[in-house]
């Protein structure tokens, strides 16, 4: 097996505003975490990590993505 290295792979750097926009797009028009992750070329876990990170920084409401079910 032969492996060629074509260039240096670099990590992308995401600004908090970009992370928040991506996290907030979950649920819009029924978009799932998987769909949003695929659309932005990140993992599902990355979105969950960003959500937690943004909440700790106070940039995302703790109740974001909360689901309320009416009681009978």
PDB file of N, CA and C in Angstrom:
ATOM      1  N   UNK A   1       0.849  -1.181   0.000  1.00  0.00           N
ATOM      2  CA  UNK A   1       0.000   0.000   0.000  1.00  0.00           C
ATOM      3  C   UNK A   1       0.894   1.243   0.000  1.00  0.00           C
ATOM      4  N   UNK A   2       0.544   2.202  -0.804  1.00  0.00           N
ATOM      5  CA  UNK A   2       1.325   3.425  -0.936  1.00  0.00           C
ATOM      6  C   UNK A   2       0.468   4.615  -0.517  1.00  0.00           C
ATOM      7  N   UNK A   3       1.041   5.476   0.293  1.00  0.00           N
ATOM      8  CA  UNK A   3       0.317   6.646   0.775  1.00  0.00           C
ATOM      9  C   UNK A   3       1.078   7.897   0.353  1.00  0.00           C
ATOM     10  N   UNK A   4       0.365   8.829  -0.234  1.00  0.00           N
ATOM     11  CA  UNK A   4       0.979  10.092  -0.629  1.00  0.00           C
ATOM     12  C   UNK A   4       0.427  11.213   0.241  1.00  0.00           C
ATOM     13  N   UNK A   5       1.303  12.060   0.702  1.00  0.00           N
ATOM     14  CA  UNK A   5       0.890  13.227   1.472  1.00  0.00           C
ATOM     15  C   UNK A   5       0.889  14.407   0.505  1.00  0.00           C
ATOM     16  N   UNK A   6      -0.294  14.970   0.308  1.00  0.00           N
ATOM     17  CA  UNK A   6      -0.449  16.024  -0.693  1.00  0.00           C
ATOM     18  C   UNK A   6      -0.263  17.426  -0.130  1.00  0.00           C
ATOM     19  N   UNK A   7      -0.379  17.557   1.145  1.00  0.00           N
ATOM     20  CA  UNK A   7      -0.234  18.878   1.739  1.00  0.00           C
ATOM     21  C   UNK A   7      -0.539  18.818   3.218  1.00  0.00           C
ATOM     22  N   UNK A   8      -0.297  19.907   3.887  1.00  0.00           N
ATOM     23  CA  UNK A   8      -0.553  19.959   5.316  1.00  0.00           C
ATOM     24  C   UNK A   8      -2.038  20.185   5.556  1.00  0.00           C
ATOM     25  N   UNK A   9      -2.636  19.295   6.321  1.00  0.00           N
ATOM     26  CA  UNK A   9      -4.044  19.461   6.659  1.00  0.00           C
ATOM     27  C   UNK A   9      -4.140  20.426   7.832  1.00  0.00           C
ATOM     28  N   UNK A  10      -5.035  21.362   7.731  1.00  0.00           N
ATOM     29  CA  UNK A  10      -5.165  22.357   8.782  1.00  0.00           C
ATOM     30  C   UNK A  10      -6.540  22.282   9.415  1.00  0.00           C
ATOM     31  N   UNK A  11      -6.572  22.566  10.676  1.00  0.00           N
ATOM     32  CA  UNK A  11      -7.846  22.619  11.378  1.00  0.00           C
ATOM     33  C   UNK A  11      -8.526  23.942  11.060  1.00  0.00           C
ATOM     34  N   UNK A  12      -9.816  23.865  10.884  1.00  0.00           N
ATOM     35  CA  UNK A  12     -10.563  25.103  10.681  1.00  0.00           C
ATOM     36  C   UNK A  12     -10.779  25.771  12.028  1.00  0.00           C
ATOM     37  N   UNK A  13     -10.797  27.053  12.025  1.00  0.00           N
ATOM     38  CA  UNK A  13     -11.077  27.811  13.239  1.00  0.00           C
ATOM     39  C   UNK A  13     -12.443  28.465  13.061  1.00  0.00           C
ATOM     40  N   UNK A  14     -13.302  28.242  14.039  1.00  0.00           N
ATOM     41  CA  UNK A  14     -14.665  28.757  13.973  1.00  0.00           C
ATOM     42  C   UNK A  14     -14.813  29.870  15.001  1.00  0.00           C
ATOM     43  N   UNK A  15     -15.356  30.990  14.596  1.00  0.00           N
ATOM     44  CA  UNK A  15     -15.665  32.075  15.523  1.00  0.00           C
ATOM     45  C   UNK A  15     -16.942  31.711  16.277  1.00  0.00           C
ATOM     46  N   UNK A  16     -17.097  32.288  17.469  1.00  0.00           N
ATOM     47  CA  UNK A  16     -18.286  32.014  18.277  1.00  0.00           C
ATOM     48  C   UNK A  16     -19.572  32.334  17.522  1.00  0.00           C
ATOM     49  N   UNK A  17     -19.549  33.393  16.706  1.00  0.00           N
ATOM     50  CA  UNK A  17     -20.750  33.767  15.950  1.00  0.00           C
ATOM     51  C   UNK A  17     -21.122  32.670  14.948  1.00  0.00           C
ATOM     52  N   UNK A  18     -20.096  32.081  14.308  1.00  0.00           N
ATOM     53  CA  UNK A  18     -20.346  31.005  13.348  1.00  0.00           C
ATOM     54  C   UNK A  18     -20.877  29.765  14.055  1.00  0.00           C
ATOM     55  N   UNK A  19     -20.274  29.433  15.182  1.00  0.00           N
ATOM     56  CA  UNK A  19     -20.724  28.273  15.964  1.00  0.00           C
ATOM     57  C   UNK A  19     -22.183  28.456  16.382  1.00  0.00           C
ATOM     58  N   UNK A  20     -22.498  29.660  16.872  1.00  0.00           N
ATOM     59  CA  UNK A  20     -23.865  29.929  17.333  1.00  0.00           C
ATOM     60  C   UNK A  20     -24.855  29.807  16.181  1.00  0.00           C
ATOM     61  N   UNK A  21     -24.492  30.342  15.035  1.00  0.00           N
ATOM     62  CA  UNK A  21     -25.370  30.265  13.862  1.00  0.00           C
ATOM     63  C   UNK A  21     -25.639  28.806  13.473  1.00  0.00           C
ATOM     64  N   UNK A  22     -24.601  27.985  13.501  1.00  0.00           N
ATOM     65  CA  UNK A  22     -24.747  26.572  13.149  1.00  0.00           C
ATOM     66  C   UNK A  22     -25.603  25.858  14.183  1.00  0.00           C
ATOM     67  N   UNK A  23     -25.310  26.078  15.466  1.00  0.00           N
ATOM     68  CA  UNK A  23     -26.078  25.425  16.536  1.00  0.00           C
ATOM     69  C   UNK A  23     -27.545  25.839  16.464  1.00  0.00           C
ATOM     70  N   UNK A  24     -27.795  27.119  16.222  1.00  0.00           N
ATOM     71  CA  UNK A  24     -29.177  27.609  16.178  1.00  0.00           C
ATOM     72  C   UNK A  24     -29.932  27.121  14.941  1.00  0.00           C
ATOM     73  N   UNK A  25     -29.234  26.651  13.913  1.00  0.00           N
ATOM     74  CA  UNK A  25     -29.923  26.180  12.716  1.00  0.00           C
ATOM     75  C   UNK A  25     -30.525  24.786  12.898  1.00  0.00           C
ATOM     76  N   UNK A  26     -30.164  24.111  13.983  1.00  0.00           N
ATOM     77  CA  UNK A  26     -30.777  22.814  14.282  1.00  0.00           C
ATOM     78  C   UNK A  26     -32.237  23.062  14.640  1.00  0.00           C
ATOM     79  N   UNK A  27     -33.123  22.351  14.011  1.00  0.00           N
ATOM     80  CA  UNK A  27     -34.547  22.495  14.285  1.00  0.00           C
ATOM     81  C   UNK A  27     -35.256  23.462  13.356  1.00  0.00           C
ATOM     82  N   UNK A  28     -34.517  24.335  12.691  1.00  0.00           N
ATOM     83  CA  UNK A  28     -35.133  25.267  11.756  1.00  0.00           C
ATOM     84  C   UNK A  28     -35.599  24.480  10.537  1.00  0.00           C
ATOM     85  N   UNK A  29     -36.844  24.614  10.218  1.00  0.00           N
ATOM     86  CA  UNK A  29     -37.473  23.872   9.108  1.00  0.00           C
ATOM     87  C   UNK A  29     -37.296  22.365   9.281  1.00  0.00           C
ATOM     88  N   UNK A  30     -37.212  21.935  10.537  1.00  0.00           N
ATOM     89  CA  UNK A  30     -37.121  20.500  10.820  1.00  0.00           C
ATOM     90  C   UNK A  30     -35.736  19.902  10.659  1.00  0.00           C
ATOM     91  N   UNK A  31     -34.707  20.731  10.522  1.00  0.00           N
ATOM     92  CA  UNK A  31     -33.337  20.231  10.313  1.00  0.00           C
ATOM     93  C   UNK A  31     -32.839  19.510  11.569  1.00  0.00           C
ATOM     94  N   UNK A  32     -32.310  18.314  11.379  1.00  0.00           N
ATOM     95  CA  UNK A  32     -31.756  17.535  12.485  1.00  0.00           C
ATOM     96  C   UNK A  32     -30.289  17.892  12.693  1.00  0.00           C
ATOM     97  N   UNK A  33     -29.750  17.471  13.833  1.00  0.00           N
ATOM     98  CA  UNK A  33     -28.330  17.701  14.118  1.00  0.00           C
ATOM     99  C   UNK A  33     -27.483  17.044  13.030  1.00  0.00           C
ATOM    100  N   UNK A  34     -27.865  15.857  12.609  1.00  0.00           N
ATOM    101  CA  UNK A  34     -27.123  15.144  11.575  1.00  0.00           C
ATOM    102  C   UNK A  34     -27.107  15.922  10.264  1.00  0.00           C
ATOM    103  N   UNK A  35     -28.256  16.456   9.878  1.00  0.00           N
ATOM    104  CA  UNK A  35     -28.329  17.230   8.630  1.00  0.00           C
ATOM    105  C   UNK A  35     -27.491  18.504   8.702  1.00  0.00           C
ATOM    106  N   UNK A  36     -27.566  19.189   9.820  1.00  0.00           N
ATOM    107  CA  UNK A  36     -26.801  20.432   9.988  1.00  0.00           C
ATOM    108  C   UNK A  36     -25.308  20.122   9.993  1.00  0.00           C
ATOM    109  N   UNK A  37     -24.911  19.072  10.683  1.00  0.00           N
ATOM    110  CA  UNK A  37     -23.497  18.682  10.731  1.00  0.00           C
ATOM    111  C   UNK A  37     -22.986  18.365   9.329  1.00  0.00           C
ATOM    112  N   UNK A  38     -23.765  17.618   8.582  1.00  0.00           N
ATOM    113  CA  UNK A  38     -23.377  17.257   7.215  1.00  0.00           C
ATOM    114  C   UNK A  38     -23.250  18.502   6.332  1.00  0.00           C
ATOM    115  N   UNK A  39     -24.194  19.404   6.461  1.00  0.00           N
ATOM    116  CA  UNK A  39     -24.211  20.632   5.662  1.00  0.00           C
ATOM    117  C   UNK A  39     -22.965  21.492   5.905  1.00  0.00           C
ATOM    118  N   UNK A  40     -22.465  21.484   7.156  1.00  0.00           N
ATOM    119  CA  UNK A  40     -21.329  22.336   7.511  1.00  0.00           C
ATOM    120  C   UNK A  40     -20.010  21.564   7.629  1.00  0.00           C
ATOM    121  N   UNK A  41     -20.045  20.292   7.265  1.00  0.00           N
ATOM    122  CA  UNK A  41     -18.849  19.439   7.268  1.00  0.00           C
ATOM    123  C   UNK A  41     -18.194  19.354   8.647  1.00  0.00           C
ATOM    124  N   UNK A  42     -19.036  19.160   9.666  1.00  0.00           N
ATOM    125  CA  UNK A  42     -18.554  18.925  11.024  1.00  0.00           C
ATOM    126  C   UNK A  42     -19.256  17.674  11.542  1.00  0.00           C
ATOM    127  N   UNK A  43     -18.819  17.173  12.683  1.00  0.00           N
ATOM    128  CA  UNK A  43     -19.466  15.995  13.253  1.00  0.00           C
ATOM    129  C   UNK A  43     -20.649  16.416  14.118  1.00  0.00           C
ATOM    130  N   UNK A  44     -21.539  15.464  14.364  1.00  0.00           N
ATOM    131  CA  UNK A  44     -22.661  15.731  15.260  1.00  0.00           C
ATOM    132  C   UNK A  44     -22.138  16.095  16.642  1.00  0.00           C
ATOM    133  N   UNK A  45     -21.117  15.367  17.088  1.00  0.00           N
ATOM    134  CA  UNK A  45     -20.553  15.630  18.411  1.00  0.00           C
ATOM    135  C   UNK A  45     -20.012  17.053  18.515  1.00  0.00           C
ATOM    136  N   UNK A  46     -19.457  17.569  17.425  1.00  0.00           N
ATOM    137  CA  UNK A  46     -18.928  18.936  17.434  1.00  0.00           C
ATOM    138  C   UNK A  46     -20.041  19.935  17.704  1.00  0.00           C
ATOM    139  N   UNK A  47     -21.201  19.704  17.133  1.00  0.00           N
ATOM    140  CA  UNK A  47     -22.334  20.608  17.364  1.00  0.00           C
ATOM    141  C   UNK A  47     -22.767  20.550  18.828  1.00  0.00           C
ATOM    142  N   UNK A  48     -22.832  19.356  19.399  1.00  0.00           N
ATOM    143  CA  UNK A  48     -23.191  19.234  20.815  1.00  0.00           C
ATOM    144  C   UNK A  48     -22.145  19.911  21.703  1.00  0.00           C
ATOM    145  N   UNK A  49     -20.871  19.763  21.349  1.00  0.00           N
ATOM    146  CA  UNK A  49     -19.790  20.395  22.111  1.00  0.00           C
ATOM    147  C   UNK A  49     -19.900  21.912  22.024  1.00  0.00           C
ATOM    148  N   UNK A  50     -20.134  22.417  20.822  1.00  0.00           N
ATOM    149  CA  UNK A  50     -20.289  23.861  20.648  1.00  0.00           C
ATOM    150  C   UNK A  50     -21.475  24.379  21.451  1.00  0.00           C
ATOM    151  N   UNK A  51     -22.574  23.642  21.446  1.00  0.00           N
ATOM    152  CA  UNK A  51     -23.771  24.065  22.179  1.00  0.00           C
ATOM    153  C   UNK A  51     -23.435  24.226  23.667  1.00  0.00           C
ATOM    154  N   UNK A  52     -22.755  23.243  24.208  1.00  0.00           N
ATOM    155  CA  UNK A  52     -22.363  23.285  25.619  1.00  0.00           C
ATOM    156  C   UNK A  52     -21.399  24.442  25.889  1.00  0.00           C
ATOM    157  N   UNK A  53     -20.423  24.600  25.021  1.00  0.00           N
ATOM    158  CA  UNK A  53     -19.426  25.667  25.153  1.00  0.00           C
ATOM    159  C   UNK A  53     -20.079  27.048  25.109  1.00  0.00           C
ATOM    160  N   UNK A  54     -20.996  27.244  24.178  1.00  0.00           N
ATOM    161  CA  UNK A  54     -21.672  28.532  24.040  1.00  0.00           C
ATOM    162  C   UNK A  54     -22.555  28.839  25.250  1.00  0.00           C
ATOM    163  N   UNK A  55     -23.197  27.809  25.806  1.00  0.00           N
ATOM    164  CA  UNK A  55     -24.014  28.008  27.010  1.00  0.00           C
ATOM    165  C   UNK A  55     -23.137  28.437  28.177  1.00  0.00           C
ATOM    166  N   UNK A  56     -21.967  27.804  28.331  1.00  0.00           N
ATOM    167  CA  UNK A  56     -21.052  28.155  29.423  1.00  0.00           C
ATOM    168  C   UNK A  56     -20.546  29.586  29.289  1.00  0.00           C
ATOM    169  N   UNK A  57     -20.354  30.045  28.062  1.00  0.00           N
ATOM    170  CA  UNK A  57     -19.885  31.413  27.816  1.00  0.00           C
ATOM    171  C   UNK A  57     -21.019  32.433  27.919  1.00  0.00           C
ATOM    172  N   UNK A  58     -22.255  31.954  28.054  1.00  0.00           N
ATOM    173  CA  UNK A  58     -23.398  32.850  28.135  1.00  0.00           C
ATOM    174  C   UNK A  58     -23.843  33.375  26.788  1.00  0.00           C
ATOM    175  N   UNK A  59     -23.395  32.734  25.713  1.00  0.00           N
ATOM    176  CA  UNK A  59     -23.752  33.178  24.366  1.00  0.00           C
ATOM    177  C   UNK A  59     -24.966  32.439  23.804  1.00  0.00           C
ATOM    178  N   UNK A  60     -25.457  31.491  24.580  1.00  0.00           N
ATOM    179  CA  UNK A  60     -26.611  30.706  24.145  1.00  0.00           C
ATOM    180  C   UNK A  60     -27.474  30.467  25.370  1.00  0.00           C
ATOM    181  N   UNK A  61     -28.740  30.725  25.231  1.00  0.00           N
ATOM    182  CA  UNK A  61     -29.656  30.542  26.352  1.00  0.00           C
ATOM    183  C   UNK A  61     -29.690  29.077  26.768  1.00  0.00           C
ATOM    184  N   UNK A  62     -29.683  28.796  28.079  1.00  0.00           N
ATOM    185  CA  UNK A  62     -29.752  27.406  28.542  1.00  0.00           C
ATOM    186  C   UNK A  62     -31.004  26.682  28.062  1.00  0.00           C
ATOM    187  N   UNK A  63     -32.055  27.433  27.757  1.00  0.00           N
ATOM    188  CA  UNK A  63     -33.301  26.803  27.317  1.00  0.00           C
ATOM    189  C   UNK A  63     -33.373  26.641  25.807  1.00  0.00           C
ATOM    190  N   UNK A  64     -32.289  26.974  25.087  1.00  0.00           N
ATOM    191  CA  UNK A  64     -32.295  26.821  23.638  1.00  0.00           C
ATOM    192  C   UNK A  64     -32.505  25.364  23.288  1.00  0.00           C
ATOM    193  N   UNK A  65     -33.350  25.115  22.309  1.00  0.00           N
ATOM    194  CA  UNK A  65     -33.698  23.781  21.845  1.00  0.00           C
ATOM    195  C   UNK A  65     -34.506  22.994  22.869  1.00  0.00           C
ATOM    196  N   UNK A  66     -35.057  23.689  23.853  1.00  0.00           N
ATOM    197  CA  UNK A  66     -35.921  23.010  24.809  1.00  0.00           C
ATOM    198  C   UNK A  66     -37.239  22.683  24.120  1.00  0.00           C
ATOM    199  N   UNK A  67     -37.795  21.566  24.482  1.00  0.00           N
ATOM    200  CA  UNK A  67     -39.043  21.132  23.875  1.00  0.00           C
ATOM    201  C   UNK A  67     -40.097  21.099  24.971  1.00  0.00           C
ATOM    202  N   UNK A  68     -41.196  21.782  24.750  1.00  0.00           N
ATOM    203  CA  UNK A  68     -42.284  21.801  25.709  1.00  0.00           C
ATOM    204  C   UNK A  68     -43.442  20.990  25.152  1.00  0.00           C
ATOM    205  N   UNK A  69     -43.931  20.097  25.983  1.00  0.00           N
ATOM    206  CA  UNK A  69     -45.049  19.247  25.585  1.00  0.00           C
ATOM    207  C   UNK A  69     -46.237  19.614  26.467  1.00  0.00           C
ATOM    208  N   UNK A  70     -47.364  19.961  25.874  1.00  0.00           N
ATOM    209  CA  UNK A  70     -48.519  20.332  26.693  1.00  0.00           C
ATOM    210  C   UNK A  70     -49.021  19.150  27.514  1.00  0.00           C
ATOM    211  N   UNK A  71     -49.362  19.441  28.760  1.00  0.00           N
ATOM    212  CA  UNK A  71     -49.911  18.378  29.609  1.00  0.00           C
ATOM    213  C   UNK A  71     -51.420  18.373  29.481  1.00  0.00           C
ATOM    214  N   UNK A  72     -52.001  17.253  29.772  1.00  0.00           N
ATOM    215  CA  UNK A  72     -53.461  17.150  29.639  1.00  0.00           C
ATOM    216  C   UNK A  72     -54.125  17.113  30.989  1.00  0.00           C
TER     217      UNK A  72
END
